[in-house]
Amino acid sequence: MKTKDRIVVESLKLFNEQGERDITTNHIAAYIGISPGNLYYHFRNKQDIIQSIFGKYIDHMRSSFQLESVHDNAEVFLQQYCDDLFESLWQFRFFHSSMPGILLRDETLHQQYLAAHALLTDRAKMAVSKLNKDGIIEIDEHDIDDLVELMRMVGSFWTSYLMANSVNQPLTELEVYRGINKIIMLLWPYATTEGKVSLSPLREKYEALSKP
């Protein structure tokens, strides 16, 4: 792996372990085992590294959560959506935990995030509409926007919520899985009798994954 790529990968790991706010470029260099000068050869500062990590985050979001066509099975898509969301929350947990601060101090990142957010919102609306059309849920079309917004809020801010409600406790995969189950629970009140049969295995899966 090239040194520049290694800096990005290892910085993401370090930020996930310790948060990014108090981490300096010297910390990053020491963590990787290179000199600060070598790090500065590839990146001007810590924010430059964060921008590269964020690029990976955007690429992940754009390549995930895809309902390939209107003929695809919405139930299968929902399962994939939950798996993709877990991967995003866990792989980039430092970003989700500190999202407002990171975005507000970098306008370029903020605009990139808003564009990706709009794309994911459209995909989520398409999926919920298909769940509705396929009889898995029953919801008024006018309420879909509000439901999708709630789903996106939970997905975006679940890790920061956990961090705010714990003291010096590292975030675990179990807690992230619990957040995915909250997404399913937002859909549950709208599930039809047949829909609950379809959604139950997914709900049980994430309930089991969220238990020690």
Protein backbone atom coordinates (compact mmCIF):
# COMPACT_ATOMS: atom_id res chain seq x y z
CA MET A 1 0.00 0.00 0.00
CA LYS A 2 1.34 3.43 -0.91
CA THR A 3 2.24 5.72 1.98
CA LYS A 4 -0.48 8.26 1.12
CA ASP A 5 -3.16 5.57 1.07
CA ARG A 6 -1.81 4.10 4.31
CA ILE A 7 -2.04 7.48 6.01
CA VAL A 8 -5.71 7.72 5.07
CA VAL A 9 -6.53 4.17 6.17
CA GLU A 10 -4.65 4.39 9.46
CA SER A 11 -5.96 7.88 10.24
CA LEU A 12 -9.52 6.60 9.82
CA LYS A 13 -8.71 3.77 12.23
CA LEU A 14 -7.19 6.19 14.76
CA PHE A 15 -10.10 8.65 14.51
CA ASN A 16 -12.57 5.79 15.00
CA GLU A 17 -10.69 4.63 18.09
CA GLN A 18 -10.07 8.01 19.74
CA GLY A 19 -12.15 10.63 17.95
CA GLU A 20 -10.56 13.23 15.71
CA ARG A 21 -10.87 16.52 17.61
CA ASP A 22 -7.82 16.12 19.88
CA ILE A 23 -5.72 14.16 17.38
CA THR A 24 -2.87 16.09 15.72
CA THR A 25 -0.74 15.27 12.70
CA ASN A 26 2.06 14.32 15.11
CA HIS A 27 -0.26 11.80 16.75
CA ILE A 28 -1.13 10.40 13.32
CA ALA A 29 2.53 10.13 12.27
CA ALA A 30 3.46 8.37 15.52
CA TYR A 31 0.49 6.01 15.23
CA ILE A 32 1.52 5.03 11.71
CA GLY A 33 5.24 4.92 12.48
CA ILE A 34 6.42 7.59 10.05
CA SER A 35 8.05 10.99 10.52
CA PRO A 36 5.89 14.15 10.59
CA GLY A 37 7.86 15.34 7.55
CA ASN A 38 6.85 12.25 5.60
CA LEU A 39 3.22 12.86 6.50
CA TYR A 40 3.43 16.52 5.42
CA TYR A 41 4.90 15.42 2.11
CA HIS A 42 1.54 13.83 1.32
CA PHE A 43 -0.91 16.03 3.26
CA ARG A 44 -0.79 19.72 4.21
CA ASN A 45 -2.61 19.26 7.52
CA LYS A 46 -5.12 17.13 9.40
CA GLN A 47 -8.05 18.68 7.57
CA ASP A 48 -6.52 17.56 4.28
CA ILE A 49 -6.50 13.99 5.62
CA ILE A 50 -10.12 14.30 6.78
CA GLN A 51 -11.10 15.46 3.29
CA SER A 52 -9.56 12.32 1.80
CA ILE A 53 -11.37 10.12 4.32
CA PHE A 54 -14.58 11.98 3.57
CA GLY A 55 -14.08 11.25 -0.12
CA LYS A 56 -14.12 7.54 0.75
CA TYR A 57 -17.28 8.09 2.81
CA ILE A 58 -19.03 9.82 -0.10
CA ASP A 59 -17.97 7.05 -2.50
CA HIS A 60 -19.40 4.49 -0.07
CA MET A 61 -22.72 6.31 0.19
CA ARG A 62 -23.05 6.73 -3.57
CA SER A 63 -22.32 3.05 -4.27
CA SER A 64 -24.64 1.78 -1.51
CA PHE A 65 -28.39 1.86 -0.85
CA GLN A 66 -29.22 1.25 -4.52
CA LEU A 67 -32.58 -0.06 -5.71
CA GLU A 68 -31.48 -1.14 -9.15
CA SER A 69 -34.89 -0.87 -10.81
CA VAL A 70 -38.57 -0.54 -9.99
CA HIS A 71 -38.87 -4.29 -10.59
CA ASP A 72 -36.46 -5.16 -7.77
CA ASN A 73 -37.77 -6.77 -4.61
CA ALA A 74 -38.26 -3.99 -2.05
CA GLU A 75 -37.94 -6.46 0.83
CA VAL A 76 -34.52 -7.55 -0.43
CA PHE A 77 -33.53 -3.92 -0.87
CA LEU A 78 -34.53 -3.15 2.73
CA GLN A 79 -32.29 -5.95 3.98
CA GLN A 80 -29.41 -4.59 1.90
CA TYR A 81 -30.20 -1.02 3.05
CA CYS A 82 -29.85 -2.09 6.69
CA ASP A 83 -26.57 -3.91 6.00
CA ASP A 84 -25.17 -0.94 4.04
CA LEU A 85 -26.24 1.46 6.78
CA PHE A 86 -24.48 -0.59 9.45
CA GLU A 87 -21.31 -0.66 7.33
CA SER A 88 -21.44 3.13 6.93
CA LEU A 89 -22.09 3.81 10.63
CA TRP A 90 -19.35 1.45 11.79
CA GLN A 91 -16.66 2.10 9.17
CA PHE A 92 -16.98 5.89 9.47
CA ARG A 93 -18.17 6.14 13.08
CA PHE A 94 -15.90 9.06 14.00
CA PHE A 95 -17.55 11.13 11.28
CA HIS A 96 -21.08 10.26 12.34
CA SER A 97 -20.18 11.01 15.95
CA SER A 98 -18.83 14.49 15.12
CA MET A 99 -20.75 15.28 11.94
CA PRO A 100 -22.05 18.84 12.65
CA GLY A 101 -18.64 20.13 13.75
CA ILE A 102 -16.77 18.56 10.84
CA LEU A 103 -19.23 19.85 8.24
CA LEU A 104 -19.57 23.36 9.66
CA ARG A 105 -15.84 24.01 9.54
CA ASP A 106 -15.44 22.91 5.91
CA GLU A 107 -17.90 24.30 3.34
CA THR A 108 -16.65 22.00 0.56
CA LEU A 109 -17.31 18.89 2.64
CA HIS A 110 -20.68 20.29 3.68
CA GLN A 111 -21.80 20.75 0.08
CA GLN A 112 -20.59 17.25 -0.86
CA TYR A 113 -22.49 15.79 2.07
CA LEU A 114 -25.70 17.64 1.17
CA ALA A 115 -25.51 16.35 -2.41
CA ALA A 116 -24.98 12.76 -1.23
CA HIS A 117 -27.71 13.15 1.40
CA ALA A 118 -30.18 14.26 -1.28
CA LEU A 119 -29.30 11.21 -3.40
CA LEU A 120 -29.76 8.82 -0.46
CA THR A 121 -33.04 10.47 0.48
CA ASP A 122 -34.36 9.91 -3.05
CA ARG A 123 -33.31 6.24 -2.92
CA ALA A 124 -34.96 5.79 0.48
CA LYS A 125 -38.19 7.37 -0.80
CA MET A 126 -38.16 5.02 -3.78
CA ALA A 127 -37.71 2.03 -1.48
CA VAL A 128 -40.43 3.07 0.97
CA SER A 129 -42.81 3.77 -1.92
CA LYS A 130 -42.14 0.29 -3.27
CA LEU A 131 -42.68 -1.27 0.16
CA ASN A 132 -46.01 0.55 0.17
CA LYS A 133 -46.90 -0.54 -3.36
CA ASP A 134 -45.94 -4.17 -2.63
CA GLY A 135 -48.21 -4.25 0.42
CA ILE A 136 -45.42 -4.70 2.96
CA ILE A 137 -46.37 -1.41 4.60
CA GLU A 138 -49.45 0.77 4.34
CA ILE A 139 -48.78 4.50 4.51
CA ASP A 140 -50.31 7.61 2.99
CA GLU A 141 -48.11 8.88 0.16
CA HIS A 142 -48.06 12.31 1.81
CA ASP A 143 -46.44 10.80 4.92
CA ILE A 144 -43.57 9.09 3.13
CA ASP A 145 -41.34 12.18 3.20
CA ASP A 146 -41.68 12.46 6.98
CA LEU A 147 -40.98 8.77 7.51
CA VAL A 148 -37.90 8.87 5.29
CA GLU A 149 -36.63 11.97 7.10
CA LEU A 150 -36.97 10.17 10.45
CA MET A 151 -35.11 7.16 9.04
CA ARG A 152 -32.31 9.38 7.78
CA MET A 153 -32.13 11.23 11.11
CA VAL A 154 -31.71 8.00 13.05
CA GLY A 155 -29.15 6.72 10.57
CA SER A 156 -27.15 9.94 10.57
CA PHE A 157 -27.15 10.76 14.28
CA TRP A 158 -27.43 7.44 16.09
CA THR A 159 -23.72 7.26 16.91
CA SER A 160 -23.56 10.85 18.15
CA TYR A 161 -26.61 10.12 20.32
CA LEU A 162 -24.79 7.13 21.83
CA MET A 163 -21.65 9.16 22.44
CA ALA A 164 -23.62 11.92 24.17
CA ASN A 165 -25.30 9.39 26.46
CA SER A 166 -22.20 7.51 27.60
CA VAL A 167 -19.12 8.45 29.61
CA ASN A 168 -15.76 7.21 28.35
CA GLN A 169 -17.35 4.11 26.84
CA PRO A 170 -16.08 3.02 23.41
CA LEU A 171 -18.71 2.56 20.75
CA THR A 172 -19.36 -1.11 19.97
CA GLU A 173 -20.79 -2.95 17.00
CA LEU A 174 -23.64 -4.15 19.22
CA GLU A 175 -24.79 -0.57 19.80
CA VAL A 176 -24.62 0.23 16.10
CA TYR A 177 -26.70 -2.86 15.32
CA ARG A 178 -29.24 -1.57 17.86
CA GLY A 179 -29.48 1.62 15.79
CA ILE A 180 -30.30 -0.38 12.67
CA ASN A 181 -33.13 -2.03 14.57
CA LYS A 182 -34.50 1.45 15.35
CA ILE A 183 -34.82 2.04 11.58
CA ILE A 184 -36.84 -1.16 11.27
CA MET A 185 -39.01 -0.10 14.21
CA LEU A 186 -39.88 3.15 12.41
CA LEU A 187 -41.39 1.02 9.63
CA TRP A 188 -43.07 -1.49 11.95
CA PRO A 189 -46.23 0.56 12.82
CA TYR A 190 -46.97 0.83 9.08
CA ALA A 191 -46.44 -2.89 8.38
CA THR A 192 -49.41 -4.86 7.12
CA THR A 193 -50.16 -8.32 8.48
CA GLU A 194 -48.28 -9.84 5.54
CA GLY A 195 -45.61 -7.18 5.87
CA LYS A 196 -44.90 -8.11 9.48
CA VAL A 197 -44.30 -11.67 8.33
CA SER A 198 -41.74 -10.31 5.83
CA LEU A 199 -40.11 -7.84 8.23
CA SER A 200 -39.97 -10.13 11.28
CA PRO A 201 -36.82 -12.04 10.17
CA LEU A 202 -34.98 -8.75 9.59
CA ARG A 203 -36.12 -7.39 12.95
CA GLU A 204 -35.10 -10.60 14.72
CA LYS A 205 -31.74 -10.59 12.95
CA TYR A 206 -30.77 -7.15 14.22
CA GLU A 207 -32.23 -7.75 17.66
CA ALA A 208 -29.98 -10.81 17.95
CA LEU A 209 -26.94 -8.92 16.64
CA SER A 210 -27.45 -6.15 19.19
CA LYS A 211 -27.32 -8.53 22.18
CA PRO A 212 -24.04 -9.52 23.90
